[in-house]
Amino acid sequence: MTADGSTHRPDHPDPSPGSSSLDFSTVVQQRRWVADGEVTARELVEHSLNRIARCDRHLNAFAHVLADEARATADRLDADCQARRPLGPLHGVPIAIKDENDVAGLPTAYGGGSVQTPAQADSELVRRLREAGAIIIGKTRMPEFGIWPFTESAANGWTRNPWDPGRSPAGSSGGTAAAVASGMVAAGIGGDGGGSIRLPSSWCGLFGLKPQRGRVPTAPNPDLWRALGTLGPLTRTVADSALIYDVISGAAETDRFRADPLESTFAEAAALPPRRLRILLSTRNPMGGSVADDATTVALRGLADRLRTAGHTVIDDDGSVNTVRYPKLAVPFQIQVATGVAEEAARVEYPELLEARTRRMASAGRLARHVVGRAERSADKTAKRFLAELFSRCDVLLTPTTPTTAMPVGQLDRHGTVGLTRLASDVASYTAAWNVLGNPAAAVPIGFDAAGLPQSAQLVGPTGGEPLLISLAAEIEGLHPDPDRRPQIR
């Protein structure tokens, strides 16, 4: 472990700006370079703005870019360095924010056009990032209210995948994923109400952890899609996510949910190898959607072989008479999604500008308000029983993150509401269960398919198991068969 908390891997030398471009540099590297005086915060901001100007016309990842504000903030942070003032853990690092988080001076539009008045103050998460020295570079695209796993909207068009612009980056944190995967920023904030951190991480080759419910503040909102939603970063490395989680974790006073404190920091977990684990491999779909395709399954089994070689016990659950029996979670999930959308839609300034699909879901959510509390309580009882049984058999569950690699763009225009709802449920069917149950789950890159699209594995842990997942994900990161491949943005 190095002095800044990163893991040193001799086979992947850590470049300095003197020997390598800033392109695709990490949060850990950028912060260290600024602290050591090798790069200024202003240089990092200019690099990010230049890359946005070059790449975003192809990708449509950003809703707003705060160029002048970011430069002014960088200059102030550089003055702190020159004056040898104490530096925060993210000092000088540009970070993007998904459009469901309040950033003072910008509308919190939830991916649509129905909110136009700027927020008066930062959300608690954004405030903590700024306090740690991060520079907010802008806000990223999302589908309206995060409903769909495709970052497309009537107001803002299609966001595209850096690995293949003809493909979707998924959603709902697709703008953040496209920004990070293309190197416009080293990290961005997303939100996950049914897979919306993990799905775009899967399709864009990123690491994305859905933390334990109540781990990260949703303030000023008491919750995000009732009991389903959490907030967190998407990054290219596990250590980067760990560093950011150590900054943003801890419930705010107004948060509805509060996770128990962890025994270690995220950064400590990322720097330490995991103990020998019992890992349960299952390709069964917990929400009853499509089983992962052959290429995804082969990649997952290849990872299982590498984990066995690393000393872990991998139990193949497929075909076993004692296979995991997933509870029925689709109804409580759908009730909470619809109710959450209705609550968010009730706050907009111009409801007539909402997409027709959003209005229909909000109407369903208003009808479901009288049963949503019962759905949450039922899911909570199910979670206690099912998670206790599952994690008596294993330490970590290993599954596909998505049934396939990235799908083509234009899905919202291609399907009516019924067809789109079915497709969305299928895409998120490996991830959504863990939002209902509330425990942590992470998407980890594991390779590429024959078309060069990223493949991903999902790690699912017990309640409060984020350090375990972070530690195992860091080990898997070191086993990646092609760790240096980057998307080519023309």
Protein backbone atom coordinates (compact mmCIF):
# COMPACT_ATOMS: atom_id res chain seq x y z
CA MET A 1 0.00 0.00 0.00
CA THR A 2 1.35 3.41 -0.95
CA ALA A 3 1.35 6.46 1.26
CA ASP A 4 -1.81 7.86 -0.37
CA GLY A 5 -3.78 4.66 0.16
CA SER A 6 -3.60 3.30 -3.39
CA THR A 7 -2.61 -0.25 -4.18
CA HIS A 8 0.71 -0.64 -5.98
CA ARG A 9 0.76 -3.22 -8.73
CA PRO A 10 4.24 -3.65 -10.25
CA ASP A 11 2.78 -4.94 -13.52
CA HIS A 12 0.78 -1.73 -13.94
CA PRO A 13 3.14 1.16 -13.22
CA ASP A 14 1.54 4.33 -11.90
CA PRO A 15 2.42 7.07 -14.41
CA SER A 16 3.25 10.63 -13.45
CA PRO A 17 2.25 13.58 -15.63
CA GLY A 18 5.85 13.91 -16.66
CA SER A 19 5.80 10.55 -18.41
CA SER A 20 2.20 10.22 -19.55
CA SER A 21 -0.79 12.24 -20.67
CA LEU A 22 -3.46 13.27 -18.21
CA ASP A 23 -5.91 11.31 -20.38
CA PHE A 24 -7.56 8.57 -18.32
CA SER A 25 -5.66 9.48 -15.16
CA THR A 26 -7.37 8.42 -11.95
CA VAL A 27 -8.75 10.33 -8.98
CA VAL A 28 -5.98 8.94 -6.76
CA GLN A 29 -3.30 10.05 -9.26
CA GLN A 30 -4.78 13.49 -9.82
CA ARG A 31 -5.09 14.26 -6.14
CA ARG A 32 -1.51 13.14 -5.48
CA TRP A 33 -0.12 15.11 -8.41
CA VAL A 34 -1.82 18.29 -7.16
CA ALA A 35 -0.59 17.72 -3.61
CA ASP A 36 2.96 17.09 -4.85
CA GLY A 37 2.95 20.17 -7.08
CA GLU A 38 3.37 18.15 -10.30
CA VAL A 39 0.05 19.36 -11.73
CA THR A 40 -2.20 22.26 -10.75
CA ALA A 41 -5.92 22.04 -10.20
CA ARG A 42 -6.28 24.58 -13.02
CA GLU A 43 -4.42 22.22 -15.37
CA LEU A 44 -6.75 19.37 -14.44
CA VAL A 45 -9.79 21.56 -15.06
CA GLU A 46 -8.48 22.75 -18.43
CA HIS A 47 -7.71 19.18 -19.42
CA SER A 48 -11.24 18.10 -18.46
CA LEU A 49 -12.85 21.03 -20.29
CA ASN A 50 -10.77 20.37 -23.41
CA ARG A 51 -11.71 16.71 -23.38
CA ILE A 52 -15.40 17.60 -22.92
CA ALA A 53 -15.19 19.97 -25.90
CA ARG A 54 -13.61 17.22 -27.98
CA CYS A 55 -15.69 14.21 -26.91
CA ASP A 56 -19.09 15.39 -25.79
CA ARG A 57 -20.29 16.49 -29.21
CA HIS A 58 -20.19 12.77 -30.05
CA LEU A 59 -21.52 11.44 -26.75
CA ASN A 60 -23.98 13.99 -25.25
CA ALA A 61 -22.94 13.16 -21.69
CA PHE A 62 -23.24 16.63 -20.13
CA ALA A 63 -26.35 18.68 -19.44
CA HIS A 64 -24.34 21.66 -18.09
CA VAL A 65 -20.64 22.47 -18.00
CA LEU A 66 -19.49 24.90 -15.30
CA ALA A 67 -16.37 26.13 -17.10
CA ASP A 68 -15.96 29.55 -15.48
CA GLU A 69 -16.92 28.36 -11.99
CA ALA A 70 -14.58 25.36 -12.25
CA ARG A 71 -11.65 27.56 -13.30
CA ALA A 72 -12.29 29.99 -10.43
CA THR A 73 -12.51 27.12 -7.94
CA ALA A 74 -9.30 25.61 -9.30
CA ASP A 75 -7.45 28.90 -8.90
CA ARG A 76 -8.60 29.16 -5.29
CA LEU A 77 -7.50 25.58 -4.58
CA ASP A 78 -4.13 26.21 -6.20
CA ALA A 79 -3.70 29.24 -3.93
CA ASP A 80 -4.31 26.91 -0.98
CA CYS A 81 -1.51 24.67 -2.24
CA GLN A 82 0.88 27.57 -2.64
CA ALA A 83 0.06 28.82 0.85
CA ARG A 84 0.62 25.29 2.23
CA ARG A 85 -2.87 25.16 3.70
CA PRO A 86 -4.33 21.74 4.57
CA LEU A 87 -5.63 19.92 1.49
CA GLY A 88 -8.80 17.84 1.28
CA PRO A 89 -8.77 14.21 0.08
CA LEU A 90 -10.13 15.26 -3.34
CA HIS A 91 -8.23 18.53 -3.62
CA GLY A 92 -8.30 19.76 -7.22
CA VAL A 93 -10.06 16.76 -8.77
CA PRO A 94 -12.83 17.56 -11.32
CA ILE A 95 -15.99 15.52 -10.75
CA ALA A 96 -19.29 15.36 -12.67
CA ILE A 97 -22.72 15.20 -10.98
CA LYS A 98 -25.83 13.40 -12.21
CA ASP A 99 -28.79 15.70 -12.88
CA GLU A 100 -30.84 14.41 -9.91
CA ASN A 101 -28.51 16.10 -7.39
CA ASP A 102 -28.79 19.76 -6.44
CA VAL A 103 -25.88 21.89 -7.62
CA ALA A 104 -26.28 25.53 -6.62
CA GLY A 105 -26.96 27.74 -9.64
CA LEU A 106 -28.20 24.92 -11.91
CA PRO A 107 -31.69 23.41 -12.25
CA THR A 108 -32.19 19.93 -10.86
CA ALA A 109 -34.05 18.81 -13.97
CA TYR A 110 -34.00 15.01 -13.49
CA GLY A 111 -33.07 14.62 -17.15
CA GLY A 112 -36.06 16.47 -18.59
CA GLY A 113 -37.31 19.99 -19.28
CA SER A 114 -39.90 20.39 -16.53
CA VAL A 115 -37.60 22.11 -13.99
CA GLN A 116 -35.87 25.31 -15.05
CA THR A 117 -35.25 27.34 -11.88
CA PRO A 118 -31.71 26.90 -10.51
CA ALA A 119 -31.21 25.20 -7.14
CA GLN A 120 -30.41 27.62 -4.36
CA ALA A 121 -27.97 25.33 -2.56
CA ASP A 122 -25.93 22.18 -3.08
CA SER A 123 -27.22 18.80 -1.99
CA GLU A 124 -25.44 17.35 1.03
CA LEU A 125 -23.42 14.99 -1.18
CA VAL A 126 -22.22 17.83 -3.41
CA ARG A 127 -21.42 19.93 -0.35
CA ARG A 128 -19.21 17.15 1.03
CA LEU A 129 -17.41 16.78 -2.29
CA ARG A 130 -16.65 20.50 -2.41
CA GLU A 131 -15.54 20.48 1.22
CA ALA A 132 -13.08 17.69 0.32
CA GLY A 133 -11.61 19.84 -2.45
CA ALA A 134 -13.42 18.38 -5.47
CA ILE A 135 -14.24 20.71 -8.37
CA ILE A 136 -17.75 20.32 -9.80
CA ILE A 137 -17.20 20.39 -13.56
CA GLY A 138 -20.86 20.03 -14.56
CA LYS A 139 -24.04 17.98 -14.53
CA THR A 140 -24.65 14.84 -16.58
CA ARG A 141 -27.55 13.50 -18.62
CA MET A 142 -30.10 10.96 -17.42
CA PRO A 143 -33.46 9.67 -18.71
CA GLU A 144 -36.37 11.62 -17.27
CA PHE A 145 -36.58 10.83 -13.53
CA GLY A 146 -34.21 7.91 -14.07
CA ILE A 147 -37.05 5.63 -15.08
CA TRP A 148 -35.36 3.85 -17.97
CA PRO A 149 -32.05 1.97 -18.27
CA PHE A 150 -31.28 3.97 -21.42
CA THR A 151 -30.06 7.57 -21.19
CA GLU A 152 -32.48 9.02 -23.72
CA SER A 153 -35.16 11.67 -23.41
CA ALA A 154 -37.48 13.77 -25.53
CA ALA A 155 -35.87 16.95 -24.16
CA ASN A 156 -32.20 16.00 -24.56
CA GLY A 157 -31.86 13.24 -27.14
CA TRP A 158 -29.60 10.21 -26.89
CA THR A 159 -26.47 9.79 -24.82
CA ARG A 160 -23.99 7.40 -26.45
CA ASN A 161 -21.47 4.81 -25.27
CA PRO A 162 -17.79 5.76 -25.69
CA TRP A 163 -16.89 2.18 -26.62
CA ASP A 164 -19.31 2.30 -29.57
CA PRO A 165 -21.37 5.45 -30.16
CA GLY A 166 -24.01 3.32 -31.83
CA ARG A 167 -24.66 1.72 -28.45
CA SER A 168 -26.30 2.97 -25.28
CA PRO A 169 -24.31 3.65 -22.10
CA ALA A 170 -27.38 2.29 -20.22
CA GLY A 171 -28.96 4.33 -17.46
CA SER A 172 -30.04 6.02 -15.59
CA SER A 173 -26.53 7.29 -14.75
CA GLY A 174 -25.57 7.01 -18.41
CA GLY A 175 -24.29 10.56 -18.77
CA THR A 176 -21.96 10.08 -15.83
CA ALA A 177 -20.79 6.73 -17.21
CA ALA A 178 -20.09 8.17 -20.66
CA ALA A 179 -18.17 11.08 -19.12
CA VAL A 180 -15.98 8.80 -17.00
CA ALA A 181 -15.42 6.05 -19.57
CA SER A 182 -14.35 8.59 -22.20
CA GLY A 183 -11.89 10.29 -19.84
CA MET A 184 -13.74 13.60 -19.67
CA VAL A 185 -13.53 13.19 -15.89
CA ALA A 186 -11.95 10.60 -13.63
CA ALA A 187 -15.14 10.19 -11.61
CA GLY A 188 -18.77 11.17 -11.56
CA ILE A 189 -21.71 10.78 -9.23
CA GLY A 190 -24.65 8.56 -10.15
CA GLY A 191 -27.71 7.19 -8.44
CA ASP A 192 -29.04 3.65 -8.23
CA GLY A 193 -32.74 2.87 -7.75
CA GLY A 194 -32.79 -0.40 -9.70
CA GLY A 195 -29.29 -0.72 -11.08
CA SER A 196 -28.61 2.79 -12.31
CA ILE A 197 -25.00 2.84 -11.10
CA ARG A 198 -24.29 -0.79 -11.96
CA LEU A 199 -25.99 -0.96 -15.37
CA PRO A 200 -24.00 1.90 -16.96
CA SER A 201 -20.86 0.65 -15.22
CA SER A 202 -21.47 -2.71 -16.89
CA TRP A 203 -21.99 -1.33 -20.38
CA CYS A 204 -19.20 1.26 -20.13
CA GLY A 205 -16.45 -0.82 -18.49
CA LEU A 206 -16.47 0.94 -15.12
CA PHE A 207 -16.55 0.06 -11.45
CA GLY A 208 -19.78 0.99 -9.73
CA LEU A 209 -20.92 0.11 -6.22
CA LYS A 210 -24.49 0.43 -5.01
CA PRO A 211 -23.87 0.99 -1.31
CA GLN A 212 -25.92 -0.21 1.62
CA ARG A 213 -29.23 1.64 1.95
CA GLY A 214 -28.62 4.68 4.16
CA ARG A 215 -24.86 4.77 3.62
CA VAL A 216 -24.81 7.96 1.52
CA PRO A 217 -27.02 10.99 2.18
CA THR A 218 -29.90 11.80 -0.13
CA ALA A 219 -30.52 15.19 1.57
CA PRO A 220 -32.24 17.51 0.96
CA ASN A 221 -34.56 14.67 -0.10
CA PRO A 222 -35.40 12.24 2.70
CA ASP A 223 -35.05 9.31 0.31
CA LEU A 224 -34.62 8.46 -3.37
CA TRP A 225 -37.47 6.39 -4.84
CA ARG A 226 -38.66 5.45 -1.37
CA ALA A 227 -36.46 2.63 0.01
CA LEU A 228 -34.87 1.76 -3.34
CA GLY A 229 -32.44 4.54 -4.20
CA THR A 230 -28.85 5.26 -3.24
CA LEU A 231 -26.18 7.63 -4.53
CA GLY A 232 -22.54 6.95 -5.32
CA PRO A 233 -19.64 7.32 -7.77
CA LEU A 234 -18.80 5.64 -11.06
CA THR A 235 -15.06 5.33 -11.64
CA ARG A 236 -12.48 3.50 -13.72
CA THR A 237 -10.74 2.05 -10.63
CA VAL A 238 -11.88 0.59 -7.34
CA ALA A 239 -9.47 2.80 -5.35
CA ASP A 240 -11.09 5.91 -6.86
CA SER A 241 -14.56 4.87 -5.73
CA ALA A 242 -13.23 3.97 -2.30
CA LEU A 243 -11.67 7.41 -1.87
CA ILE A 244 -14.92 9.14 -2.84
CA TYR A 245 -17.06 6.92 -0.63
CA ASP A 246 -14.93 7.82 2.36
CA VAL A 247 -15.77 11.48 1.65
CA ILE A 248 -19.51 11.16 1.05
CA SER A 249 -20.56 8.38 3.45
CA GLY A 250 -22.64 9.01 6.55
CA ALA A 251 -26.33 9.84 6.75
CA ALA A 252 -27.51 13.43 7.08
CA GLU A 253 -29.92 14.47 9.81
CA THR A 254 -32.89 14.58 7.44
CA ASP A 255 -32.22 11.22 5.76
CA ARG A 256 -34.91 8.62 6.19
CA PHE A 257 -32.45 5.70 6.27
CA ARG A 258 -29.21 5.25 8.23
CA ALA A 259 -26.71 2.47 7.73
CA ASP A 260 -24.68 1.15 10.65
CA PRO A 261 -21.07 2.43 10.73
CA LEU A 262 -18.40 0.31 9.04
CA GLU A 263 -15.41 -1.15 10.87
CA SER A 264 -12.93 0.03 8.21
CA THR A 265 -12.70 2.80 5.67
CA PHE A 266 -13.35 2.15 2.02
CA ALA A 267 -9.76 3.07 1.17
CA GLU A 268 -8.40 0.57 3.69
CA ALA A 269 -10.58 -2.13 2.16
CA ALA A 270 -9.38 -1.31 -1.36
CA ALA A 271 -5.74 -1.60 -0.29
CA LEU A 272 -6.02 -4.95 1.48
CA PRO A 273 -6.50 -8.31 -0.27
CA PRO A 274 -9.63 -10.18 0.78
CA ARG A 275 -9.48 -13.27 2.93
CA ARG A 276 -10.19 -16.56 1.20
CA LEU A 277 -13.90 -16.36 0.43
CA ARG A 278 -16.79 -18.67 -0.30
CA ILE A 279 -18.16 -17.27 -3.56
CA LEU A 280 -21.47 -18.56 -4.89
CA LEU A 281 -21.67 -18.35 -8.69
CA SER A 282 -25.21 -18.12 -10.06
CA THR A 283 -26.45 -17.13 -13.50
CA ARG A 284 -30.10 -17.52 -12.48
CA ASN A 285 -32.05 -14.30 -12.84
CA PRO A 286 -33.39 -13.03 -9.49
CA MET A 287 -36.25 -11.04 -11.04
CA GLY A 288 -37.24 -13.70 -13.59
CA GLY A 289 -35.87 -11.90 -16.64
CA SER A 290 -33.72 -13.29 -19.42
CA VAL A 291 -30.76 -15.43 -18.46
CA ALA A 292 -27.41 -13.93 -19.46
CA ASP A 293 -26.29 -14.69 -23.00
CA ASP A 294 -23.56 -17.21 -23.79
CA ALA A 295 -20.72 -14.68 -24.08
CA THR A 296 -21.57 -13.11 -20.72
CA THR A 297 -21.80 -16.53 -19.07
CA VAL A 298 -18.46 -17.65 -20.51
CA ALA A 299 -16.81 -14.46 -19.24
CA LEU A 300 -18.33 -14.94 -15.79
CA ARG A 301 -17.11 -18.54 -15.60
CA GLY A 302 -13.67 -17.39 -16.72
CA LEU A 303 -13.62 -14.99 -13.78
CA ALA A 304 -14.70 -17.83 -11.48
CA ASP A 305 -11.70 -19.87 -12.65
CA ARG A 306 -9.34 -16.98 -11.96
CA LEU A 307 -10.82 -16.57 -8.47
CA ARG A 308 -10.30 -20.26 -7.76
CA THR A 309 -6.68 -19.90 -8.84
CA ALA A 310 -6.40 -16.94 -6.45
CA GLY A 311 -7.39 -19.24 -3.58
CA HIS A 312 -11.12 -18.67 -3.21
CA THR A 313 -13.75 -21.39 -3.05
CA VAL A 314 -16.21 -20.84 -5.90
CA ILE A 315 -19.42 -22.85 -5.63
CA ASP A 316 -21.33 -23.27 -8.88
CA ASP A 317 -24.99 -22.84 -7.98
CA ASP A 318 -26.35 -23.47 -11.49
CA GLY A 319 -28.11 -26.80 -11.73
CA SER A 320 -27.82 -27.52 -8.02
CA VAL A 321 -30.79 -29.01 -6.19
CA ASN A 322 -30.05 -26.45 -3.47
CA THR A 323 -30.04 -23.52 -5.87
CA VAL A 324 -30.81 -20.01 -4.61
CA ARG A 325 -34.56 -19.48 -4.27
CA TYR A 326 -35.08 -15.79 -4.91
CA PRO A 327 -38.13 -14.18 -3.31
CA LYS A 328 -40.76 -12.51 -5.47
CA LEU A 329 -39.73 -8.87 -5.53
CA ALA A 330 -41.19 -7.45 -8.75
CA VAL A 331 -44.37 -6.03 -7.17
CA PRO A 332 -42.72 -4.11 -4.27
CA PHE A 333 -40.12 -2.84 -6.72
CA GLN A 334 -42.70 -1.56 -9.21
CA ILE A 335 -44.83 0.04 -6.48
CA GLN A 336 -41.84 1.94 -5.05
CA VAL A 337 -40.61 3.07 -8.48
CA ALA A 338 -44.01 4.40 -9.49
CA THR A 339 -44.58 6.10 -6.14
CA GLY A 340 -41.09 7.62 -6.17
CA VAL A 341 -41.63 9.00 -9.68
CA ALA A 342 -45.00 10.45 -8.61
CA GLU A 343 -43.38 12.21 -5.65
CA GLU A 344 -40.63 13.69 -7.83
CA ALA A 345 -43.05 14.69 -10.59
CA ALA A 346 -45.22 16.53 -8.05
CA ARG A 347 -42.33 18.95 -7.41
CA VAL A 348 -41.68 20.09 -11.00
CA GLU A 349 -42.44 23.60 -12.24
CA TYR A 350 -43.88 22.69 -15.63
CA PRO A 351 -45.71 19.35 -15.43
CA GLU A 352 -47.00 19.84 -18.97
CA LEU A 353 -43.40 19.38 -20.17
CA LEU A 354 -43.10 15.90 -18.66
CA GLU A 355 -42.89 13.06 -21.16
CA ALA A 356 -46.16 11.17 -21.67
CA ARG A 357 -44.55 7.97 -20.33
CA THR A 358 -43.50 9.80 -17.17
CA ARG A 359 -46.98 11.21 -16.64
CA ARG A 360 -48.48 7.74 -16.96
CA MET A 361 -46.07 6.30 -14.41
CA ALA A 362 -46.67 9.21 -12.02
CA SER A 363 -50.42 8.59 -12.29
CA ALA A 364 -49.88 4.93 -11.39
CA GLY A 365 -47.69 6.01 -8.49
CA ARG A 366 -50.37 8.30 -7.10
CA LEU A 367 -52.79 5.37 -7.09
CA ALA A 368 -50.21 3.20 -5.32
CA ARG A 369 -49.46 5.64 -2.48
CA HIS A 370 -51.78 3.88 -0.06
CA VAL A 371 -49.94 0.54 -0.42
CA VAL A 372 -46.32 1.68 -0.75
CA GLY A 373 -45.66 1.59 3.00
CA ARG A 374 -46.94 -1.96 3.16
CA ALA A 375 -44.73 -2.91 0.19
CA GLU A 376 -41.65 -1.48 1.92
CA ARG A 377 -42.38 -3.28 5.18
CA SER A 378 -42.96 -6.56 3.38
CA ALA A 379 -39.69 -6.18 1.45
CA ASP A 380 -37.83 -5.42 4.68
CA LYS A 381 -39.09 -8.63 6.31
CA THR A 382 -38.20 -10.60 3.19
CA ALA A 383 -34.71 -9.07 3.14
CA LYS A 384 -33.91 -10.11 6.70
CA ARG A 385 -34.99 -13.69 6.08
CA PHE A 386 -33.57 -14.17 2.58
CA LEU A 387 -30.21 -12.44 3.14
CA ALA A 388 -29.60 -14.39 6.33
CA GLU A 389 -30.17 -17.65 4.46
CA LEU A 390 -28.15 -16.65 1.39
CA PHE A 391 -25.10 -15.46 3.30
CA SER A 392 -25.09 -18.47 5.57
CA ARG A 393 -24.09 -20.36 2.40
CA CYS A 394 -21.51 -17.93 1.03
CA ASP A 395 -19.61 -14.72 1.68
CA VAL A 396 -20.29 -13.17 -1.75
CA LEU A 397 -22.78 -13.92 -4.53
CA LEU A 398 -21.33 -13.66 -8.07
CA THR A 399 -23.79 -13.02 -10.92
CA PRO A 400 -23.92 -11.26 -14.29
CA THR A 401 -24.55 -7.53 -13.98
CA THR A 402 -26.56 -7.35 -17.20
CA PRO A 403 -27.90 -10.11 -19.46
CA THR A 404 -25.94 -8.74 -22.45
CA THR A 405 -23.34 -6.15 -23.34
CA ALA A 406 -24.44 -2.69 -24.51
CA MET A 407 -27.57 -2.48 -26.65
CA PRO A 408 -28.07 -0.05 -29.56
CA VAL A 409 -29.15 3.53 -28.88
CA GLY A 410 -32.67 4.68 -29.68
CA GLN A 411 -34.59 2.24 -27.50
CA LEU A 412 -37.08 4.84 -26.22
CA ASP A 413 -38.00 5.83 -29.78
CA ARG A 414 -38.21 2.20 -30.88
CA HIS A 415 -40.73 0.96 -28.31
CA GLY A 416 -44.11 1.90 -26.94
CA THR A 417 -44.61 2.13 -23.19
CA VAL A 418 -45.52 -1.54 -22.71
CA GLY A 419 -42.65 -2.86 -24.81
CA LEU A 420 -40.21 -0.42 -23.24
CA THR A 421 -41.28 -1.40 -19.73
CA ARG A 422 -40.70 -5.07 -20.51
CA LEU A 423 -37.30 -4.35 -22.03
CA ALA A 424 -36.27 -2.13 -19.12
CA SER A 425 -37.31 -4.76 -16.60
CA ASP A 426 -35.21 -7.33 -18.46
CA VAL A 427 -32.10 -5.14 -18.65
CA ALA A 428 -32.27 -4.40 -14.90
CA SER A 429 -33.38 -7.86 -13.82
CA TYR A 430 -30.03 -8.90 -12.30
CA THR A 431 -29.63 -5.64 -10.38
CA ALA A 432 -33.06 -4.48 -9.17
CA ALA A 433 -33.53 -7.19 -6.53
CA TRP A 434 -30.75 -5.75 -4.39
CA ASN A 435 -32.39 -2.31 -4.34
CA VAL A 436 -35.53 -3.88 -2.90
CA LEU A 437 -33.48 -5.83 -0.34
CA GLY A 438 -31.17 -2.89 0.44
CA ASN A 439 -27.80 -4.68 0.67
CA PRO A 440 -24.68 -3.63 -1.28
CA ALA A 441 -23.86 -4.85 -4.79
CA ALA A 442 -21.13 -3.84 -7.24
CA ALA A 443 -20.45 -4.03 -10.97
CA VAL A 444 -16.85 -4.97 -11.81
CA PRO A 445 -15.28 -4.99 -15.31
CA ILE A 446 -14.05 -8.45 -16.35
CA GLY A 447 -13.16 -8.21 -20.03
CA PHE A 448 -14.58 -7.58 -23.50
CA ASP A 449 -16.79 -9.50 -25.90
CA ALA A 450 -15.94 -10.27 -29.54
CA ALA A 451 -17.27 -6.85 -30.59
CA GLY A 452 -14.97 -5.07 -28.12
CA LEU A 453 -17.78 -4.12 -25.71
CA PRO A 454 -17.14 -4.27 -21.95
CA GLN A 455 -18.32 -7.24 -19.91
CA SER A 456 -19.14 -7.08 -16.21
CA ALA A 457 -19.71 -9.24 -13.14
CA GLN A 458 -21.93 -8.31 -10.21
CA LEU A 459 -20.71 -8.92 -6.67
CA VAL A 460 -23.46 -9.03 -4.06
CA GLY A 461 -22.61 -8.78 -0.36
CA PRO A 462 -24.41 -9.04 2.97
CA THR A 463 -25.83 -6.09 4.87
CA GLY A 464 -22.96 -3.68 5.61
CA GLY A 465 -20.67 -5.67 3.31
CA GLU A 466 -19.22 -2.79 1.27
CA PRO A 467 -15.63 -3.29 2.53
CA LEU A 468 -15.77 -6.95 1.55
CA LEU A 469 -17.00 -6.10 -1.96
CA ILE A 470 -14.44 -3.31 -2.37
CA SER A 471 -11.60 -5.63 -1.34
CA LEU A 472 -12.69 -8.43 -3.68
CA ALA A 473 -13.34 -5.99 -6.54
CA ALA A 474 -9.81 -4.60 -6.17
CA GLU A 475 -8.46 -8.14 -6.46
CA ILE A 476 -10.59 -8.80 -9.55
CA GLU A 477 -9.32 -5.54 -11.02
CA GLY A 478 -5.82 -6.98 -10.83
CA LEU A 479 -7.02 -10.12 -12.67
CA HIS A 480 -8.55 -8.18 -15.60
CA PRO A 481 -7.32 -9.74 -18.87
CA ASP A 482 -6.98 -6.42 -20.73
CA PRO A 483 -6.72 -3.61 -18.15
CA ASP A 484 -5.19 -0.94 -20.38
CA ARG A 485 -7.74 -0.93 -23.23
CA ARG A 486 -9.47 2.44 -23.65
CA PRO A 487 -12.30 3.60 -25.93
CA GLN A 488 -11.19 5.49 -29.01
CA ILE A 489 -13.12 8.76 -29.33
CA ARG A 490 -12.76 10.36 -32.74
